[in-house]
């Protein structure tokens, strides 16, 4: 199994920046793609960005050019650098990781960290 712990959320003014971190523990050698999702009040959880072990990335159109996902495989950590934040970025941000366990792919989620952008 894999456990994920996020940190770095908080309150920031529009136009500001935040950096989220997500540390993985457990069966870390089996981890493949990691990513960030977010969920705003009354909305469905949506993909923000994801990154493979090789460093290939995908971003939601709404964050392209503003957010950057990266990972440190040696430290088993994934990061989300968020710049030029907007009020619509306000949400709970969840870290996720796909991992191989008992012959199948499984998925772990962190507990979430709140990001609030004031206008």
PDB file of N, CA and C in Angstrom:
ATOM      1  N   UNK A   1       0.836  -1.194   0.000  1.00  0.00           N
ATOM      2  CA  UNK A   1       0.000   0.000   0.000  1.00  0.00           C
ATOM      3  C   UNK A   1       0.874   1.249   0.000  1.00  0.00           C
ATOM      4  N   UNK A   2       0.256   2.358  -0.385  1.00  0.00           N
ATOM      5  CA  UNK A   2       0.944   3.644  -0.436  1.00  0.00           C
ATOM      6  C   UNK A   2       0.156   4.664   0.369  1.00  0.00           C
ATOM      7  N   UNK A   3       0.860   5.468   1.140  1.00  0.00           N
ATOM      8  CA  UNK A   3       0.240   6.548   1.894  1.00  0.00           C
ATOM      9  C   UNK A   3       0.799   7.878   1.381  1.00  0.00           C
ATOM     10  N   UNK A   4      -0.080   8.872   1.289  1.00  0.00           N
ATOM     11  CA  UNK A   4       0.291  10.182   0.769  1.00  0.00           C
ATOM     12  C   UNK A   4      -0.080  11.258   1.779  1.00  0.00           C
ATOM     13  N   UNK A   5       0.837  12.192   1.989  1.00  0.00           N
ATOM     14  CA  UNK A   5       0.587  13.301   2.903  1.00  0.00           C
ATOM     15  C   UNK A   5       0.912  14.613   2.199  1.00  0.00           C
ATOM     16  N   UNK A   6      -0.119  15.470   2.056  1.00  0.00           N
ATOM     17  CA  UNK A   6       0.071  16.761   1.393  1.00  0.00           C
ATOM     18  C   UNK A   6       0.399  17.847   2.408  1.00  0.00           C
ATOM     19  N   UNK A   7       1.036  18.886   1.922  1.00  0.00           N
ATOM     20  CA  UNK A   7       1.295  20.075   2.730  1.00  0.00           C
ATOM     21  C   UNK A   7       1.458  21.263   1.801  1.00  0.00           C
ATOM     22  N   UNK A   8       1.378  22.466   2.376  1.00  0.00           N
ATOM     23  CA  UNK A   8       1.652  23.670   1.605  1.00  0.00           C
ATOM     24  C   UNK A   8       0.454  24.507   1.243  1.00  0.00           C
ATOM     25  N   UNK A   9      -0.746  24.043   1.559  1.00  0.00           N
ATOM     26  CA  UNK A   9      -1.918  24.854   1.264  1.00  0.00           C
ATOM     27  C   UNK A   9      -1.998  26.070   2.168  1.00  0.00           C
ATOM     28  N   UNK A  10      -2.957  26.937   1.875  1.00  0.00           N
ATOM     29  CA  UNK A  10      -3.146  28.118   2.701  1.00  0.00           C
ATOM     30  C   UNK A  10      -3.962  29.179   2.007  1.00  0.00           C
ATOM     31  N   UNK A  11      -3.895  30.382   2.555  1.00  0.00           N
ATOM     32  CA  UNK A  11      -4.616  31.535   2.035  1.00  0.00           C
ATOM     33  C   UNK A  11      -3.633  32.457   1.329  1.00  0.00           C
ATOM     34  N   UNK A  12      -3.983  32.858   0.119  1.00  0.00           N
ATOM     35  CA  UNK A  12      -3.109  33.741  -0.656  1.00  0.00           C
ATOM     36  C   UNK A  12      -3.968  34.702  -1.453  1.00  0.00           C
ATOM     37  N   UNK A  13      -3.433  35.871  -1.729  1.00  0.00           N
ATOM     38  CA  UNK A  13      -4.154  36.831  -2.550  1.00  0.00           C
ATOM     39  C   UNK A  13      -4.051  36.472  -4.023  1.00  0.00           C
ATOM     40  N   UNK A  14      -5.031  36.907  -4.784  1.00  0.00           N
ATOM     41  CA  UNK A  14      -5.002  36.689  -6.224  1.00  0.00           C
ATOM     42  C   UNK A  14      -3.703  37.250  -6.799  1.00  0.00           C
ATOM     43  N   UNK A  15      -3.119  36.472  -7.704  1.00  0.00           N
ATOM     44  CA  UNK A  15      -1.846  36.857  -8.287  1.00  0.00           C
ATOM     45  C   UNK A  15      -0.648  36.289  -7.557  1.00  0.00           C
ATOM     46  N   UNK A  16      -0.879  35.736  -6.386  1.00  0.00           N
ATOM     47  CA  UNK A  16       0.193  35.181  -5.586  1.00  0.00           C
ATOM     48  C   UNK A  16       0.543  33.761  -5.971  1.00  0.00           C
ATOM     49  N   UNK A  17       1.421  33.157  -5.170  1.00  0.00           N
ATOM     50  CA  UNK A  17       1.917  31.814  -5.457  1.00  0.00           C
ATOM     51  C   UNK A  17       1.863  30.936  -4.209  1.00  0.00           C
ATOM     52  N   UNK A  18       1.739  29.653  -4.449  1.00  0.00           N
ATOM     53  CA  UNK A  18       1.838  28.642  -3.408  1.00  0.00           C
ATOM     54  C   UNK A  18       2.522  27.429  -3.997  1.00  0.00           C
ATOM     55  N   UNK A  19       3.172  26.654  -3.128  1.00  0.00           N
ATOM     56  CA  UNK A  19       3.775  25.403  -3.551  1.00  0.00           C
ATOM     57  C   UNK A  19       3.254  24.285  -2.666  1.00  0.00           C
ATOM     58  N   UNK A  20       2.623  23.308  -3.309  1.00  0.00           N
ATOM     59  CA  UNK A  20       2.122  22.142  -2.602  1.00  0.00           C
ATOM     60  C   UNK A  20       3.139  21.011  -2.702  1.00  0.00           C
ATOM     61  N   UNK A  21       3.220  20.232  -1.631  1.00  0.00           N
ATOM     62  CA  UNK A  21       4.089  19.061  -1.611  1.00  0.00           C
ATOM     63  C   UNK A  21       3.278  17.848  -1.222  1.00  0.00           C
ATOM     64  N   UNK A  22       3.703  16.698  -1.705  1.00  0.00           N
ATOM     65  CA  UNK A  22       3.038  15.443  -1.376  1.00  0.00           C
ATOM     66  C   UNK A  22       4.117  14.380  -1.208  1.00  0.00           C
ATOM     67  N   UNK A  23       4.221  13.870   0.002  1.00  0.00           N
ATOM     68  CA  UNK A  23       5.225  12.857   0.308  1.00  0.00           C
ATOM     69  C   UNK A  23       4.578  11.483   0.350  1.00  0.00           C
ATOM     70  N   UNK A  24       5.189  10.540  -0.341  1.00  0.00           N
ATOM     71  CA  UNK A  24       4.680   9.172  -0.392  1.00  0.00           C
ATOM     72  C   UNK A  24       5.489   8.277   0.528  1.00  0.00           C
ATOM     73  N   UNK A  25       4.807   7.308   1.112  1.00  0.00           N
ATOM     74  CA  UNK A  25       5.464   6.294   1.935  1.00  0.00           C
ATOM     75  C   UNK A  25       4.771   4.960   1.710  1.00  0.00           C
ATOM     76  N   UNK A  26       5.402   3.904   2.188  1.00  0.00           N
ATOM     77  CA  UNK A  26       4.838   2.578   1.987  1.00  0.00           C
ATOM     78  C   UNK A  26       5.517   1.877   0.819  1.00  0.00           C
ATOM     79  N   UNK A  27       4.747   1.298  -0.074  1.00  0.00           N
ATOM     80  CA  UNK A  27       5.279   0.542  -1.214  1.00  0.00           C
ATOM     81  C   UNK A  27       5.681   1.503  -2.335  1.00  0.00           C
ATOM     82  N   UNK A  28       6.626   2.374  -2.041  1.00  0.00           N
ATOM     83  CA  UNK A  28       6.957   3.460  -2.957  1.00  0.00           C
ATOM     84  C   UNK A  28       7.617   2.981  -4.240  1.00  0.00           C
ATOM     85  N   UNK A  29       8.259   1.832  -4.213  1.00  0.00           N
ATOM     86  CA  UNK A  29       8.914   1.332  -5.425  1.00  0.00           C
ATOM     87  C   UNK A  29       7.904   0.976  -6.501  1.00  0.00           C
ATOM     88  N   UNK A  30       6.650   0.789  -6.111  1.00  0.00           N
ATOM     89  CA  UNK A  30       5.621   0.396  -7.064  1.00  0.00           C
ATOM     90  C   UNK A  30       4.860   1.578  -7.648  1.00  0.00           C
ATOM     91  N   UNK A  31       5.213   2.793  -7.247  1.00  0.00           N
ATOM     92  CA  UNK A  31       4.476   3.969  -7.702  1.00  0.00           C
ATOM     93  C   UNK A  31       4.800   4.293  -9.143  1.00  0.00           C
ATOM     94  N   UNK A  32       3.781   4.618  -9.912  1.00  0.00           N
ATOM     95  CA  UNK A  32       3.946   5.053 -11.294  1.00  0.00           C
ATOM     96  C   UNK A  32       3.555   6.527 -11.386  1.00  0.00           C
ATOM     97  N   UNK A  33       2.477   6.821 -12.045  1.00  0.00           N
ATOM     98  CA  UNK A  33       2.051   8.211 -12.209  1.00  0.00           C
ATOM     99  C   UNK A  33       1.571   8.809 -10.885  1.00  0.00           C
ATOM    100  N   UNK A  34       1.951  10.061 -10.659  1.00  0.00           N
ATOM    101  CA  UNK A  34       1.438  10.825  -9.520  1.00  0.00           C
ATOM    102  C   UNK A  34       0.787  12.093 -10.043  1.00  0.00           C
ATOM    103  N   UNK A  35      -0.108  12.644  -9.266  1.00  0.00           N
ATOM    104  CA  UNK A  35      -0.781  13.834  -9.753  1.00  0.00           C
ATOM    105  C   UNK A  35      -1.512  14.597  -8.675  1.00  0.00           C
ATOM    106  N   UNK A  36      -2.119  15.674  -9.109  1.00  0.00           N
ATOM    107  CA  UNK A  36      -2.931  16.525  -8.241  1.00  0.00           C
ATOM    108  C   UNK A  36      -4.316  16.702  -8.843  1.00  0.00           C
ATOM    109  N   UNK A  37      -5.309  16.564  -7.995  1.00  0.00           N
ATOM    110  CA  UNK A  37      -6.693  16.861  -8.336  1.00  0.00           C
ATOM    111  C   UNK A  37      -7.160  17.964  -7.390  1.00  0.00           C
ATOM    112  N   UNK A  38      -8.267  18.571  -7.732  1.00  0.00           N
ATOM    113  CA  UNK A  38      -8.859  19.546  -6.828  1.00  0.00           C
ATOM    114  C   UNK A  38     -10.379  19.447  -6.869  1.00  0.00           C
ATOM    115  N   UNK A  39     -10.982  19.882  -5.773  1.00  0.00           N
ATOM    116  CA  UNK A  39     -12.433  19.858  -5.681  1.00  0.00           C
ATOM    117  C   UNK A  39     -12.898  21.125  -4.985  1.00  0.00           C
ATOM    118  N   UNK A  40     -13.652  21.920  -5.726  1.00  0.00           N
ATOM    119  CA  UNK A  40     -14.238  23.137  -5.180  1.00  0.00           C
ATOM    120  C   UNK A  40     -15.615  22.812  -4.623  1.00  0.00           C
ATOM    121  N   UNK A  41     -16.118  23.629  -3.715  1.00  0.00           N
ATOM    122  CA  UNK A  41     -17.449  23.364  -3.129  1.00  0.00           C
ATOM    123  C   UNK A  41     -18.521  23.242  -4.204  1.00  0.00           C
ATOM    124  N   UNK A  42     -19.284  22.166  -4.120  1.00  0.00           N
ATOM    125  CA  UNK A  42     -20.377  21.959  -5.058  1.00  0.00           C
ATOM    126  C   UNK A  42     -19.967  21.476  -6.434  1.00  0.00           C
ATOM    127  N   UNK A  43     -18.677  21.191  -6.609  1.00  0.00           N
ATOM    128  CA  UNK A  43     -18.183  20.742  -7.918  1.00  0.00           C
ATOM    129  C   UNK A  43     -17.538  19.367  -7.804  1.00  0.00           C
ATOM    130  N   UNK A  44     -17.402  18.728  -8.950  1.00  0.00           N
ATOM    131  CA  UNK A  44     -16.742  17.430  -8.986  1.00  0.00           C
ATOM    132  C   UNK A  44     -15.232  17.596  -8.884  1.00  0.00           C
ATOM    133  N   UNK A  45     -14.586  16.542  -8.396  1.00  0.00           N
ATOM    134  CA  UNK A  45     -13.133  16.544  -8.348  1.00  0.00           C
ATOM    135  C   UNK A  45     -12.597  16.527  -9.776  1.00  0.00           C
ATOM    136  N   UNK A  46     -11.593  17.343 -10.046  1.00  0.00           N
ATOM    137  CA  UNK A  46     -11.050  17.440 -11.395  1.00  0.00           C
ATOM    138  C   UNK A  46      -9.535  17.333 -11.379  1.00  0.00           C
ATOM    139  N   UNK A  47      -9.004  16.824 -12.476  1.00  0.00           N
ATOM    140  CA  UNK A  47      -7.555  16.717 -12.625  1.00  0.00           C
ATOM    141  C   UNK A  47      -6.947  18.103 -12.784  1.00  0.00           C
ATOM    142  N   UNK A  48      -5.850  18.332 -12.073  1.00  0.00           N
ATOM    143  CA  UNK A  48      -5.089  19.559 -12.232  1.00  0.00           C
ATOM    144  C   UNK A  48      -3.837  19.286 -13.059  1.00  0.00           C
ATOM    145  N   UNK A  49      -3.069  18.291 -12.639  1.00  0.00           N
ATOM    146  CA  UNK A  49      -1.835  17.953 -13.347  1.00  0.00           C
ATOM    147  C   UNK A  49      -1.385  16.567 -12.916  1.00  0.00           C
ATOM    148  N   UNK A  50      -0.623  15.898 -13.785  1.00  0.00           N
ATOM    149  CA  UNK A  50      -0.068  14.600 -13.435  1.00  0.00           C
ATOM    150  C   UNK A  50       1.289  14.453 -14.087  1.00  0.00           C
ATOM    151  N   UNK A  51       2.087  13.549 -13.519  1.00  0.00           N
ATOM    152  CA  UNK A  51       3.447  13.367 -13.998  1.00  0.00           C
ATOM    153  C   UNK A  51       3.821  11.900 -13.877  1.00  0.00           C
ATOM    154  N   UNK A  52       4.452  11.360 -14.913  1.00  0.00           N
ATOM    155  CA  UNK A  52       4.873   9.971 -14.894  1.00  0.00           C
ATOM    156  C   UNK A  52       6.259   9.856 -14.250  1.00  0.00           C
ATOM    157  N   UNK A  53       6.706   8.632 -14.051  1.00  0.00           N
ATOM    158  CA  UNK A  53       8.036   8.429 -13.497  1.00  0.00           C
ATOM    159  C   UNK A  53       9.113   8.965 -14.438  1.00  0.00           C
ATOM    160  N   UNK A  54       8.802   8.997 -15.725  1.00  0.00           N
ATOM    161  CA  UNK A  54       9.757   9.510 -16.716  1.00  0.00           C
ATOM    162  C   UNK A  54       9.739  11.038 -16.804  1.00  0.00           C
ATOM    163  N   UNK A  55       8.780  11.658 -16.112  1.00  0.00           N
ATOM    164  CA  UNK A  55       8.707  13.111 -16.124  1.00  0.00           C
ATOM    165  C   UNK A  55       7.764  13.710 -17.146  1.00  0.00           C
ATOM    166  N   UNK A  56       6.993  12.864 -17.818  1.00  0.00           N
ATOM    167  CA  UNK A  56       5.998  13.386 -18.758  1.00  0.00           C
ATOM    168  C   UNK A  56       4.830  13.969 -17.982  1.00  0.00           C
ATOM    169  N   UNK A  57       4.359  15.125 -18.442  1.00  0.00           N
ATOM    170  CA  UNK A  57       3.328  15.841 -17.692  1.00  0.00           C
ATOM    171  C   UNK A  57       2.079  16.127 -18.527  1.00  0.00           C
ATOM    172  N   UNK A  58       0.959  16.259 -17.840  1.00  0.00           N
ATOM    173  CA  UNK A  58      -0.300  16.717 -18.415  1.00  0.00           C
ATOM    174  C   UNK A  58      -0.908  17.734 -17.469  1.00  0.00           C
ATOM    175  N   UNK A  59      -1.554  18.753 -18.040  1.00  0.00           N
ATOM    176  CA  UNK A  59      -2.184  19.796 -17.244  1.00  0.00           C
ATOM    177  C   UNK A  59      -3.608  20.048 -17.719  1.00  0.00           C
ATOM    178  N   UNK A  60      -4.449  20.450 -16.793  1.00  0.00           N
ATOM    179  CA  UNK A  60      -5.757  20.951 -17.167  1.00  0.00           C
ATOM    180  C   UNK A  60      -5.564  22.265 -17.914  1.00  0.00           C
ATOM    181  N   UNK A  61      -6.426  22.527 -18.876  1.00  0.00           N
ATOM    182  CA  UNK A  61      -6.297  23.755 -19.664  1.00  0.00           C
ATOM    183  C   UNK A  61      -6.340  24.992 -18.778  1.00  0.00           C
ATOM    184  N   UNK A  62      -7.101  24.921 -17.706  1.00  0.00           N
ATOM    185  CA  UNK A  62      -7.300  26.086 -16.850  1.00  0.00           C
ATOM    186  C   UNK A  62      -6.039  26.485 -16.075  1.00  0.00           C
ATOM    187  N   UNK A  63      -5.059  25.589 -15.990  1.00  0.00           N
ATOM    188  CA  UNK A  63      -3.861  25.905 -15.209  1.00  0.00           C
ATOM    189  C   UNK A  63      -2.594  25.952 -16.060  1.00  0.00           C
ATOM    190  N   UNK A  64      -2.706  25.629 -17.333  1.00  0.00           N
ATOM    191  CA  UNK A  64      -1.524  25.642 -18.199  1.00  0.00           C
ATOM    192  C   UNK A  64      -0.872  27.015 -18.204  1.00  0.00           C
ATOM    193  N   UNK A  65       0.446  27.014 -18.075  1.00  0.00           N
ATOM    194  CA  UNK A  65       1.187  28.265 -18.060  1.00  0.00           C
ATOM    195  C   UNK A  65       1.268  28.918 -16.696  1.00  0.00           C
ATOM    196  N   UNK A  66       0.497  28.417 -15.727  1.00  0.00           N
ATOM    197  CA  UNK A  66       0.514  28.989 -14.377  1.00  0.00           C
ATOM    198  C   UNK A  66       1.024  27.980 -13.339  1.00  0.00           C
ATOM    199  N   UNK A  67       0.677  26.714 -13.518  1.00  0.00           N
ATOM    200  CA  UNK A  67       1.055  25.676 -12.567  1.00  0.00           C
ATOM    201  C   UNK A  67       2.135  24.783 -13.175  1.00  0.00           C
ATOM    202  N   UNK A  68       3.008  24.282 -12.319  1.00  0.00           N
ATOM    203  CA  UNK A  68       4.045  23.352 -12.750  1.00  0.00           C
ATOM    204  C   UNK A  68       4.111  22.182 -11.781  1.00  0.00           C
ATOM    205  N   UNK A  69       3.994  20.974 -12.321  1.00  0.00           N
ATOM    206  CA  UNK A  69       4.125  19.772 -11.505  1.00  0.00           C
ATOM    207  C   UNK A  69       5.531  19.212 -11.679  1.00  0.00           C
ATOM    208  N   UNK A  70       6.089  18.710 -10.596  1.00  0.00           N
ATOM    209  CA  UNK A  70       7.405  18.091 -10.660  1.00  0.00           C
ATOM    210  C   UNK A  70       7.473  16.990  -9.604  1.00  0.00           C
ATOM    211  N   UNK A  71       8.470  16.140  -9.721  1.00  0.00           N
ATOM    212  CA  UNK A  71       8.604  15.085  -8.728  1.00  0.00           C
ATOM    213  C   UNK A  71      10.068  14.799  -8.474  1.00  0.00           C
ATOM    214  N   UNK A  72      10.334  14.388  -7.271  1.00  0.00           N
ATOM    215  CA  UNK A  72      11.668  13.974  -6.859  1.00  0.00           C
ATOM    216  C   UNK A  72      11.557  12.501  -6.505  1.00  0.00           C
ATOM    217  N   UNK A  73      11.973  11.648  -7.423  1.00  0.00           N
ATOM    218  CA  UNK A  73      11.812  10.206  -7.213  1.00  0.00           C
ATOM    219  C   UNK A  73      12.669   9.712  -6.040  1.00  0.00           C
ATOM    220  N   UNK A  74      13.793  10.359  -5.812  1.00  0.00           N
ATOM    221  CA  UNK A  74      14.658   9.946  -4.704  1.00  0.00           C
ATOM    222  C   UNK A  74      14.005  10.248  -3.360  1.00  0.00           C
ATOM    223  N   UNK A  75      13.229  11.346  -3.314  1.00  0.00           N
ATOM    224  CA  UNK A  75      12.564  11.744  -2.077  1.00  0.00           C
ATOM    225  C   UNK A  75      11.101  11.289  -2.031  1.00  0.00           C
ATOM    226  N   UNK A  76      10.665  10.615  -3.122  1.00  0.00           N
ATOM    227  CA  UNK A  76       9.275  10.120  -3.185  1.00  0.00           C
ATOM    228  C   UNK A  76       8.272  11.236  -2.936  1.00  0.00           C
ATOM    229  N   UNK A  77       8.528  12.355  -3.567  1.00  0.00           N
ATOM    230  CA  UNK A  77       7.701  13.533  -3.353  1.00  0.00           C
ATOM    231  C   UNK A  77       7.299  14.145  -4.691  1.00  0.00           C
ATOM    232  N   UNK A  78       6.073  14.618  -4.772  1.00  0.00           N
ATOM    233  CA  UNK A  78       5.600  15.347  -5.937  1.00  0.00           C
ATOM    234  C   UNK A  78       5.210  16.748  -5.480  1.00  0.00           C
ATOM    235  N   UNK A  79       5.463  17.708  -6.347  1.00  0.00           N
ATOM    236  CA  UNK A  79       5.210  19.104  -6.027  1.00  0.00           C
ATOM    237  C   UNK A  79       4.254  19.728  -7.049  1.00  0.00           C
ATOM    238  N   UNK A  80       3.569  20.767  -6.610  1.00  0.00           N
ATOM    239  CA  UNK A  80       2.753  21.570  -7.519  1.00  0.00           C
ATOM    240  C   UNK A  80       3.040  23.033  -7.219  1.00  0.00           C
ATOM    241  N   UNK A  81       3.762  23.673  -8.119  1.00  0.00           N
ATOM    242  CA  UNK A  81       4.040  25.098  -8.001  1.00  0.00           C
ATOM    243  C   UNK A  81       2.908  25.846  -8.680  1.00  0.00           C
ATOM    244  N   UNK A  82       2.235  26.696  -7.921  1.00  0.00           N
ATOM    245  CA  UNK A  82       1.079  27.406  -8.436  1.00  0.00           C
ATOM    246  C   UNK A  82       1.375  28.901  -8.424  1.00  0.00           C
ATOM    247  N   UNK A  83       1.411  29.490  -9.609  1.00  0.00           N
ATOM    248  CA  UNK A  83       1.671  30.918  -9.760  1.00  0.00           C
ATOM    249  C   UNK A  83       0.446  31.609 -10.348  1.00  0.00           C
ATOM    250  N   UNK A  84       0.429  32.927 -10.232  1.00  0.00           N
ATOM    251  CA  UNK A  84      -0.670  33.733 -10.785  1.00  0.00           C
ATOM    252  C   UNK A  84      -2.019  33.166 -10.378  1.00  0.00           C
ATOM    253  N   UNK A  85      -2.160  32.892  -9.110  1.00  0.00           N
ATOM    254  CA  UNK A  85      -3.384  32.244  -8.623  1.00  0.00           C
ATOM    255  C   UNK A  85      -4.599  33.146  -8.796  1.00  0.00           C
ATOM    256  N   UNK A  86      -5.712  32.494  -9.087  1.00  0.00           N
ATOM    257  CA  UNK A  86      -6.986  33.175  -9.297  1.00  0.00           C
ATOM    258  C   UNK A  86      -7.992  32.673  -8.261  1.00  0.00           C
ATOM    259  N   UNK A  87      -9.047  33.433  -8.068  1.00  0.00           N
ATOM    260  CA  UNK A  87     -10.061  33.032  -7.093  1.00  0.00           C
ATOM    261  C   UNK A  87     -10.672  31.681  -7.464  1.00  0.00           C
ATOM    262  N   UNK A  88     -10.752  31.415  -8.764  1.00  0.00           N
ATOM    263  CA  UNK A  88     -11.332  30.135  -9.198  1.00  0.00           C
ATOM    264  C   UNK A  88     -10.423  28.945  -8.937  1.00  0.00           C
ATOM    265  N   UNK A  89      -9.208  29.186  -8.462  1.00  0.00           N
ATOM    266  CA  UNK A  89      -8.322  28.091  -8.069  1.00  0.00           C
ATOM    267  C   UNK A  89      -8.613  27.627  -6.646  1.00  0.00           C
ATOM    268  N   UNK A  90      -9.478  28.334  -5.949  1.00  0.00           N
ATOM    269  CA  UNK A  90      -9.837  27.950  -4.587  1.00  0.00           C
ATOM    270  C   UNK A  90     -10.497  26.574  -4.580  1.00  0.00           C
ATOM    271  N   UNK A  91      -9.932  25.676  -3.789  1.00  0.00           N
ATOM    272  CA  UNK A  91     -10.415  24.300  -3.738  1.00  0.00           C
ATOM    273  C   UNK A  91      -9.599  23.520  -2.716  1.00  0.00           C
ATOM    274  N   UNK A  92     -10.043  22.312  -2.440  1.00  0.00           N
ATOM    275  CA  UNK A  92      -9.211  21.356  -1.715  1.00  0.00           C
ATOM    276  C   UNK A  92      -8.404  20.593  -2.758  1.00  0.00           C
ATOM    277  N   UNK A  93      -7.108  20.558  -2.584  1.00  0.00           N
ATOM    278  CA  UNK A  93      -6.212  19.897  -3.526  1.00  0.00           C
ATOM    279  C   UNK A  93      -5.785  18.540  -2.951  1.00  0.00           C
ATOM    280  N   UNK A  94      -5.935  17.516  -3.786  1.00  0.00           N
ATOM    281  CA  UNK A  94      -5.632  16.152  -3.379  1.00  0.00           C
ATOM    282  C   UNK A  94      -4.476  15.601  -4.217  1.00  0.00           C
ATOM    283  N   UNK A  95      -3.553  14.969  -3.545  1.00  0.00           N
ATOM    284  CA  UNK A  95      -2.476  14.258  -4.216  1.00  0.00           C
ATOM    285  C   UNK A  95      -2.947  12.834  -4.490  1.00  0.00           C
ATOM    286  N   UNK A  96      -2.510  12.268  -5.602  1.00  0.00           N
ATOM    287  CA  UNK A  96      -2.865  10.897  -5.917  1.00  0.00           C
ATOM    288  C   UNK A  96      -1.668  10.184  -6.528  1.00  0.00           C
ATOM    289  N   UNK A  97      -1.652   8.866  -6.386  1.00  0.00           N
ATOM    290  CA  UNK A  97      -0.572   8.062  -6.949  1.00  0.00           C
ATOM    291  C   UNK A  97      -1.119   6.710  -7.375  1.00  0.00           C
ATOM    292  N   UNK A  98      -0.718   6.282  -8.558  1.00  0.00           N
ATOM    293  CA  UNK A  98      -1.023   4.931  -9.020  1.00  0.00           C
ATOM    294  C   UNK A  98       0.150   4.026  -8.617  1.00  0.00           C
ATOM    295  N   UNK A  99      -0.191   2.854  -8.102  1.00  0.00           N
ATOM    296  CA  UNK A  99       0.859   1.934  -7.695  1.00  0.00           C
ATOM    297  C   UNK A  99       0.430   0.497  -7.975  1.00  0.00           C
ATOM    298  N   UNK A 100       1.439  -0.361  -8.138  1.00  0.00           N
ATOM    299  CA  UNK A 100       1.213  -1.785  -8.420  1.00  0.00           C
ATOM    300  C   UNK A 100       1.214  -2.534  -7.099  1.00  0.00           C
ATOM    301  N   UNK A 101       0.145  -3.262  -6.837  1.00  0.00           N
ATOM    302  CA  UNK A 101       0.039  -3.953  -5.550  1.00  0.00           C
ATOM    303  C   UNK A 101      -0.772  -5.223  -5.718  1.00  0.00           C
ATOM    304  N   UNK A 102      -0.193  -6.328  -5.317  1.00  0.00           N
ATOM    305  CA  UNK A 102      -0.870  -7.638  -5.378  1.00  0.00           C
ATOM    306  C   UNK A 102      -1.378  -7.944  -6.778  1.00  0.00           C
ATOM    307  N   UNK A 103      -0.573  -7.595  -7.772  1.00  0.00           N
ATOM    308  CA  UNK A 103      -0.893  -7.990  -9.132  1.00  0.00           C
ATOM    309  C   UNK A 103      -1.860  -7.094  -9.867  1.00  0.00           C
ATOM    310  N   UNK A 104      -2.242  -5.982  -9.255  1.00  0.00           N
ATOM    311  CA  UNK A 104      -3.148  -5.045  -9.917  1.00  0.00           C
ATOM    312  C   UNK A 104      -2.700  -3.617  -9.646  1.00  0.00           C
ATOM    313  N   UNK A 105      -3.168  -2.717 -10.518  1.00  0.00           N
ATOM    314  CA  UNK A 105      -2.911  -1.295 -10.272  1.00  0.00           C
ATOM    315  C   UNK A 105      -3.952  -0.780  -9.284  1.00  0.00           C
ATOM    316  N   UNK A 106      -3.502  -0.034  -8.364  1.00  0.00           N
ATOM    317  CA  UNK A 106      -4.371   0.577  -7.371  1.00  0.00           C
ATOM    318  C   UNK A 106      -4.053   2.065  -7.301  1.00  0.00           C
ATOM    319  N   UNK A 107      -4.832   2.782  -6.523  1.00  0.00           N
ATOM    320  CA  UNK A 107      -4.686   4.236  -6.465  1.00  0.00           C
ATOM    321  C   UNK A 107      -4.810   4.697  -5.030  1.00  0.00           C
ATOM    322  N   UNK A 108      -3.900   5.569  -4.636  1.00  0.00           N
ATOM    323  CA  UNK A 108      -3.943   6.146  -3.299  1.00  0.00           C
ATOM    324  C   UNK A 108      -4.275   7.634  -3.397  1.00  0.00           C
ATOM    325  N   UNK A 109      -4.912   8.136  -2.358  1.00  0.00           N
ATOM    326  CA  UNK A 109      -5.248   9.557  -2.258  1.00  0.00           C
ATOM    327  C   UNK A 109      -4.722  10.111  -0.946  1.00  0.00           C
ATOM    328  N   UNK A 110      -4.298  11.348  -0.978  1.00  0.00           N
ATOM    329  CA  UNK A 110      -3.970  12.045   0.243  1.00  0.00           C
ATOM    330  C   UNK A 110      -5.234  12.582   0.891  1.00  0.00           C
ATOM    331  N   UNK A 111      -5.056  13.214   2.035  1.00  0.00           N
ATOM    332  CA  UNK A 111      -6.215  13.708   2.786  1.00  0.00           C
ATOM    333  C   UNK A 111      -6.710  15.051   2.277  1.00  0.00           C
ATOM    334  N   UNK A 112      -5.913  15.711   1.455  1.00  0.00           N
ATOM    335  CA  UNK A 112      -6.321  16.990   0.890  1.00  0.00           C
ATOM    336  C   UNK A 112      -5.761  18.168   1.660  1.00  0.00           C
ATOM    337  N   UNK A 113      -5.489  19.237   0.945  1.00  0.00           N
ATOM    338  CA  UNK A 113      -5.032  20.475   1.571  1.00  0.00           C
ATOM    339  C   UNK A 113      -5.799  21.641   0.953  1.00  0.00           C
ATOM    340  N   UNK A 114      -6.263  22.539   1.789  1.00  0.00           N
ATOM    341  CA  UNK A 114      -7.106  23.646   1.334  1.00  0.00           C
ATOM    342  C   UNK A 114      -6.254  24.761   0.747  1.00  0.00           C
ATOM    343  N   UNK A 115      -6.665  25.223  -0.423  1.00  0.00           N
ATOM    344  CA  UNK A 115      -6.068  26.404  -1.057  1.00  0.00           C
ATOM    345  C   UNK A 115      -7.181  27.427  -1.229  1.00  0.00           C
ATOM    346  N   UNK A 116      -6.988  28.599  -0.661  1.00  0.00           N
ATOM    347  CA  UNK A 116      -7.979  29.664  -0.759  1.00  0.00           C
ATOM    348  C   UNK A 116      -7.321  30.899  -1.344  1.00  0.00           C
ATOM    349  N   UNK A 117      -7.877  31.384  -2.450  1.00  0.00           N
ATOM    350  CA  UNK A 117      -7.339  32.557  -3.130  1.00  0.00           C
ATOM    351  C   UNK A 117      -8.337  33.691  -2.963  1.00  0.00           C
ATOM    352  N   UNK A 118      -7.919  34.753  -2.322  1.00  0.00           N
ATOM    353  CA  UNK A 118      -8.801  35.891  -2.102  1.00  0.00           C
ATOM    354  C   UNK A 118      -8.623  36.915  -3.216  1.00  0.00           C
ATOM    355  N   UNK A 119      -9.743  37.472  -3.645  1.00  0.00           N
ATOM    356  CA  UNK A 119      -9.694  38.446  -4.752  1.00  0.00           C
ATOM    357  C   UNK A 119      -9.638  39.862  -4.234  1.00  0.00           C
TER     358      UNK A 119
END
